[in-house]
């Protein structure tokens, strides 16, 4: 049963990490496809290259950090309830 909780934790973290924040920010703000601009990477720095906006770059960075923090928080909740700590 403990392995099931660990697999669930990994799955949730993977799903959160798979949300393409840079794509969503640039598509909503500028209507562009970020992977067709700049370096072609769907990442924070390419948001700046594609849009020239520090605000959109910062929004992407904060959203990506928020996804990581949420994944860690959820992992903590799952493992604490699974292992009784």
Protein backbone atom coordinates (compact mmCIF):
# COMPACT_ATOMS: atom_id res chain seq x y z
CA UNK A 1 0.00 0.00 0.00
CA UNK A 2 2.90 2.35 0.72
CA UNK A 3 4.14 2.01 -2.85
CA UNK A 4 0.72 3.03 -4.14
CA UNK A 5 0.99 6.34 -2.24
CA UNK A 6 4.45 6.97 -3.64
CA UNK A 7 3.25 6.25 -7.18
CA UNK A 8 0.29 8.60 -6.65
CA UNK A 9 2.64 11.31 -5.41
CA UNK A 10 4.87 10.92 -8.47
CA UNK A 11 1.88 10.95 -10.81
CA UNK A 12 0.48 14.16 -9.33
CA UNK A 13 3.89 15.85 -9.48
CA UNK A 14 4.30 14.75 -13.10
CA UNK A 15 0.87 16.07 -14.07
CA UNK A 16 1.53 19.43 -12.42
CA UNK A 17 4.90 19.69 -14.14
CA UNK A 18 3.39 18.88 -17.51
CA UNK A 19 1.27 22.05 -17.55
CA UNK A 20 2.94 24.27 -20.19
CA UNK A 21 2.90 27.54 -18.29
CA UNK A 22 4.93 29.51 -20.85
CA UNK A 23 2.65 28.37 -23.66
CA UNK A 24 -0.47 29.35 -21.74
CA UNK A 25 0.87 32.77 -20.72
CA UNK A 26 2.07 33.76 -24.19
CA UNK A 27 -1.02 32.37 -25.94
CA UNK A 28 -3.35 34.29 -23.61
CA UNK A 29 -1.37 37.56 -23.59
CA UNK A 30 -0.12 37.81 -27.17
CA UNK A 31 -1.89 35.09 -29.15
CA UNK A 32 1.47 33.65 -30.25
CA UNK A 33 2.88 30.15 -30.20
CA UNK A 34 5.94 30.46 -27.96
CA UNK A 35 7.70 27.44 -29.48
CA UNK A 36 7.72 29.16 -32.89
CA UNK A 37 9.49 32.24 -31.49
CA UNK A 38 12.96 32.86 -30.06
CA UNK A 39 14.86 29.69 -29.20
CA UNK A 40 11.84 27.44 -29.76
CA UNK A 41 11.89 26.33 -26.13
CA UNK A 42 8.72 26.47 -24.05
CA UNK A 43 10.36 28.09 -21.04
CA UNK A 44 10.59 31.26 -19.03
CA UNK A 45 13.48 32.87 -20.91
CA UNK A 46 11.86 32.23 -24.26
CA UNK A 47 8.75 34.04 -23.06
CA UNK A 48 10.91 37.15 -22.85
CA UNK A 49 12.47 36.47 -26.25
CA UNK A 50 9.07 35.93 -27.85
CA UNK A 51 7.25 38.85 -26.23
CA UNK A 52 9.89 41.28 -24.98
CA UNK A 53 7.88 41.59 -21.76
CA UNK A 54 9.54 41.26 -18.37
CA UNK A 55 6.10 41.09 -16.77
CA UNK A 56 5.10 38.02 -18.77
CA UNK A 57 8.48 36.43 -18.07
CA UNK A 58 8.05 37.07 -14.33
CA UNK A 59 4.48 35.72 -14.42
CA UNK A 60 5.72 32.54 -16.09
CA UNK A 61 8.54 32.16 -13.57
CA UNK A 62 6.22 32.63 -10.58
CA UNK A 63 3.67 30.22 -12.04
CA UNK A 64 6.35 27.57 -12.63
CA UNK A 65 7.66 28.01 -9.10
CA UNK A 66 4.09 27.78 -7.82
CA UNK A 67 3.60 24.48 -9.65
CA UNK A 68 6.73 23.10 -7.99
CA UNK A 69 5.65 24.33 -4.56
CA UNK A 70 2.18 22.83 -5.04
CA UNK A 71 3.70 19.49 -6.07
CA UNK A 72 5.84 19.47 -2.92
CA UNK A 73 2.89 20.44 -0.75
CA UNK A 74 0.67 17.71 -2.19
CA UNK A 75 3.49 15.19 -1.84
CA UNK A 76 3.84 16.16 1.80
CA UNK A 77 0.13 15.74 2.42
CA UNK A 78 0.01 12.36 0.72
CA UNK A 79 3.09 10.95 2.38
CA UNK A 80 2.11 12.26 5.82
CA UNK A 81 -1.32 10.64 5.59
CA UNK A 82 0.09 7.45 4.07
CA UNK A 83 2.91 6.97 6.57
CA UNK A 84 1.12 8.40 9.62
CA UNK A 85 3.53 11.19 10.49
